[in-house]
Amino acid sequence: MRAAAILMVLIAVLLGGLCYSRGGAALVLTGLKGGGRGMLQLLPLLLVVFVLTGLVEVLLPRSTVAAWLSDSAGVRGLGLAWLAGALTPGGGPIGLPLAAALLRSGAGLGVLVTYLTSMSLLSFVRLPMEIGIYGLRLTVLRVVSSLFLPLVAGSIAQLIGRAIAAASMQN
């Protein structure tokens, strides 16, 4: 998390320098004002999301997470993750903190990869917008061709995780 924050600060500084070189302090200030407006719009949502993820983390006992969402839960865990990812409203701002809370609560890596991939690729919540923007034909084609990819990604993640665990046990 710290490395990601440092990288983002560096990118912001570089973009600020580019703005300054193209339009001086006025362009930098315009960019900062635009970013501030966006932050003010997202801040209430982010506050609620972090409260929800904290509550999920303390309310879900590790035994429940292990039974339903660990890699040993098998197809049931992958299926739940697939459905939850497809139904998560708001995409990353909601799903990423939720995935982090589930990881801390003991959810399996394959299950989390399935959830995150499903949230990114399927997101049934945005289907009406997609149909309105580029039509039913392309939307159906995109969804049908992507339908099983989250399950494949989660299964691959489980296999890789098992291989890494087996290799580390041998060392």
Protein backbone atom coordinates (compact mmCIF):
# COMPACT_ATOMS: atom_id res chain seq x y z
CA MET A 1 0.00 0.00 0.00
CA ARG A 2 2.83 2.38 0.89
CA ALA A 3 4.65 1.75 -2.41
CA ALA A 4 1.43 2.40 -4.35
CA ALA A 5 0.92 5.70 -2.51
CA ILE A 6 4.50 6.78 -3.19
CA LEU A 7 4.12 5.89 -6.87
CA MET A 8 0.87 7.86 -7.13
CA VAL A 9 2.46 10.90 -5.45
CA LEU A 10 5.35 10.73 -7.93
CA ILE A 11 2.92 10.55 -10.86
CA ALA A 12 0.97 13.50 -9.44
CA VAL A 13 4.17 15.53 -9.09
CA LEU A 14 5.16 14.68 -12.68
CA LEU A 15 1.71 15.63 -13.98
CA GLY A 16 1.83 18.82 -11.93
CA GLY A 17 5.18 19.65 -13.51
CA LEU A 18 3.75 18.97 -16.97
CA CYS A 19 0.78 21.24 -16.23
CA TYR A 20 3.13 23.94 -15.01
CA SER A 21 5.27 23.70 -18.14
CA ARG A 22 2.22 24.00 -20.38
CA GLY A 23 0.20 26.63 -18.58
CA GLY A 24 1.97 27.81 -15.46
CA ALA A 25 0.58 27.92 -11.96
CA ALA A 26 -2.91 28.73 -13.25
CA LEU A 27 -3.18 25.36 -15.02
CA VAL A 28 -1.83 23.53 -11.96
CA LEU A 29 -4.44 25.31 -9.80
CA THR A 30 -7.21 24.40 -12.27
CA GLY A 31 -6.15 20.74 -12.07
CA LEU A 32 -6.03 20.83 -8.27
CA LYS A 33 -9.51 22.38 -8.12
CA GLY A 34 -10.88 19.67 -10.44
CA GLY A 35 -9.29 16.95 -8.31
CA GLY A 36 -10.71 18.54 -5.16
CA ARG A 37 -14.22 18.57 -6.63
CA GLY A 38 -13.90 14.89 -7.52
CA MET A 39 -12.62 14.09 -4.04
CA LEU A 40 -15.53 15.89 -2.40
CA GLN A 41 -17.98 13.89 -4.53
CA LEU A 42 -16.36 10.52 -3.70
CA LEU A 43 -15.48 11.14 -0.05
CA PRO A 44 -18.93 10.34 1.40
CA LEU A 45 -19.05 7.07 -0.55
CA LEU A 46 -15.53 6.10 0.50
CA LEU A 47 -16.26 6.82 4.16
CA VAL A 48 -19.32 4.57 4.07
CA VAL A 49 -17.38 1.85 2.22
CA PHE A 50 -14.60 1.78 4.80
CA VAL A 51 -17.12 1.66 7.65
CA LEU A 52 -18.93 -1.23 5.91
CA THR A 53 -15.73 -3.17 5.28
CA GLY A 54 -14.65 -2.74 8.87
CA LEU A 55 -18.02 -4.02 10.07
CA VAL A 56 -17.88 -6.97 7.66
CA GLU A 57 -14.42 -7.81 8.92
CA VAL A 58 -15.47 -7.94 12.58
CA LEU A 59 -18.87 -9.56 11.99
CA LEU A 60 -17.68 -12.45 9.82
CA PRO A 61 -15.99 -15.02 12.02
CA ARG A 62 -12.92 -16.65 10.48
CA SER A 63 -14.70 -20.01 10.71
CA THR A 64 -17.56 -18.73 8.54
CA VAL A 65 -15.15 -17.22 6.02
CA ALA A 66 -13.16 -20.47 5.98
CA ALA A 67 -16.29 -22.55 5.41
CA TRP A 68 -17.71 -20.41 2.62
CA LEU A 69 -14.88 -18.38 1.09
CA SER A 70 -11.60 -20.19 1.59
CA ASP A 71 -9.94 -22.01 -1.27
CA SER A 72 -10.93 -25.27 0.44
CA ALA A 73 -14.60 -24.28 -0.03
CA GLY A 74 -14.08 -25.34 -3.64
CA VAL A 75 -16.70 -24.61 -6.28
CA ARG A 76 -19.08 -23.17 -3.67
CA GLY A 77 -16.56 -20.46 -2.74
CA LEU A 78 -15.75 -19.66 -6.36
CA GLY A 79 -19.46 -19.55 -7.25
CA LEU A 80 -20.29 -17.19 -4.38
CA ALA A 81 -17.36 -14.97 -5.33
CA TRP A 82 -18.45 -14.97 -8.98
CA LEU A 83 -21.99 -13.92 -8.04
CA ALA A 84 -20.91 -11.35 -5.45
CA GLY A 85 -18.45 -9.76 -7.88
CA ALA A 86 -21.05 -9.53 -10.61
CA LEU A 87 -23.52 -7.90 -8.20
CA THR A 88 -21.16 -5.49 -6.42
CA PRO A 89 -22.40 -1.96 -7.09
CA GLY A 90 -19.88 0.79 -7.67
CA GLY A 91 -16.98 -1.37 -8.84
CA GLY A 92 -13.54 -0.77 -7.37
CA PRO A 93 -14.32 1.90 -4.78
CA ILE A 94 -16.62 -0.58 -3.04
CA GLY A 95 -15.20 -3.94 -4.13
CA LEU A 96 -11.49 -3.37 -3.47
CA PRO A 97 -11.82 -2.47 0.24
CA LEU A 98 -14.32 -5.32 0.64
CA ALA A 99 -11.86 -7.77 -0.93
CA ALA A 100 -9.11 -6.51 1.39
CA ALA A 101 -11.37 -7.04 4.42
CA LEU A 102 -12.22 -10.56 3.25
CA LEU A 103 -8.53 -11.31 2.72
CA ARG A 104 -7.79 -10.23 6.30
CA SER A 105 -10.70 -12.43 7.45
CA GLY A 106 -9.24 -15.52 5.78
CA ALA A 107 -10.86 -15.68 2.33
CA GLY A 108 -8.87 -17.73 -0.17
CA LEU A 109 -6.77 -16.18 -2.90
CA GLY A 110 -8.64 -18.07 -5.64
CA VAL A 111 -11.96 -16.87 -4.26
CA LEU A 112 -10.72 -13.28 -4.11
CA VAL A 113 -9.33 -13.43 -7.65
CA THR A 114 -12.71 -14.76 -8.81
CA TYR A 115 -14.52 -11.95 -6.98
CA LEU A 116 -12.26 -9.19 -8.29
CA THR A 117 -12.31 -10.51 -11.86
CA SER A 118 -16.07 -10.93 -11.80
CA MET A 119 -16.52 -7.42 -10.44
CA SER A 120 -14.30 -6.04 -13.20
CA LEU A 121 -15.64 -8.05 -16.13
CA LEU A 122 -19.29 -8.76 -15.40
CA SER A 123 -20.78 -6.07 -13.14
CA PHE A 124 -24.43 -6.79 -13.88
CA VAL A 125 -25.27 -3.47 -12.23
CA ARG A 126 -23.87 -1.55 -15.22
CA LEU A 127 -25.67 -3.62 -17.89
CA PRO A 128 -28.45 -1.08 -18.47
CA MET A 129 -25.83 1.62 -19.08
CA GLU A 130 -23.89 -0.61 -21.48
CA ILE A 131 -27.05 -1.45 -23.44
CA GLY A 132 -27.84 2.27 -23.67
CA ILE A 133 -24.34 3.18 -24.83
CA TYR A 134 -23.43 0.48 -27.31
CA GLY A 135 -26.52 -1.66 -27.68
CA LEU A 136 -27.88 -5.04 -26.69
CA ARG A 137 -25.92 -7.10 -29.23
CA LEU A 138 -22.44 -6.02 -28.09
CA THR A 139 -23.45 -6.11 -24.41
CA VAL A 140 -24.72 -9.69 -24.66
CA LEU A 141 -21.64 -10.72 -26.65
CA ARG A 142 -19.31 -9.14 -24.06
CA VAL A 143 -21.09 -10.72 -21.10
CA VAL A 144 -21.44 -14.19 -22.63
CA SER A 145 -17.80 -14.26 -23.75
CA SER A 146 -16.65 -13.10 -20.27
CA LEU A 147 -19.03 -15.17 -18.17
CA PHE A 148 -16.65 -17.95 -17.16
CA LEU A 149 -13.39 -15.98 -17.15
CA PRO A 150 -13.62 -15.09 -13.43
CA LEU A 151 -13.99 -18.77 -12.53
CA VAL A 152 -11.03 -19.67 -14.72
CA ALA A 153 -8.90 -16.90 -13.17
CA GLY A 154 -9.86 -17.99 -9.64
CA SER A 155 -9.09 -21.63 -10.40
CA ILE A 156 -5.70 -20.70 -11.83
CA ALA A 157 -5.00 -18.59 -8.73
CA GLN A 158 -5.88 -21.57 -6.52
CA LEU A 159 -3.52 -23.83 -8.49
CA ILE A 160 -0.68 -21.32 -8.31
CA GLY A 161 -1.30 -20.79 -4.59
CA ARG A 162 -1.19 -24.54 -3.93
CA ALA A 163 2.01 -24.89 -5.97
CA ILE A 164 3.67 -22.07 -4.03
CA ALA A 165 2.53 -23.54 -0.72
CA ALA A 166 3.82 -27.00 -1.69
CA ALA A 167 7.17 -25.56 -2.80
CA SER A 168 7.56 -23.58 0.42
CA MET A 169 6.78 -26.69 2.52
CA GLN A 170 9.54 -28.59 0.73
CA ASN A 171 12.12 -25.90 1.53
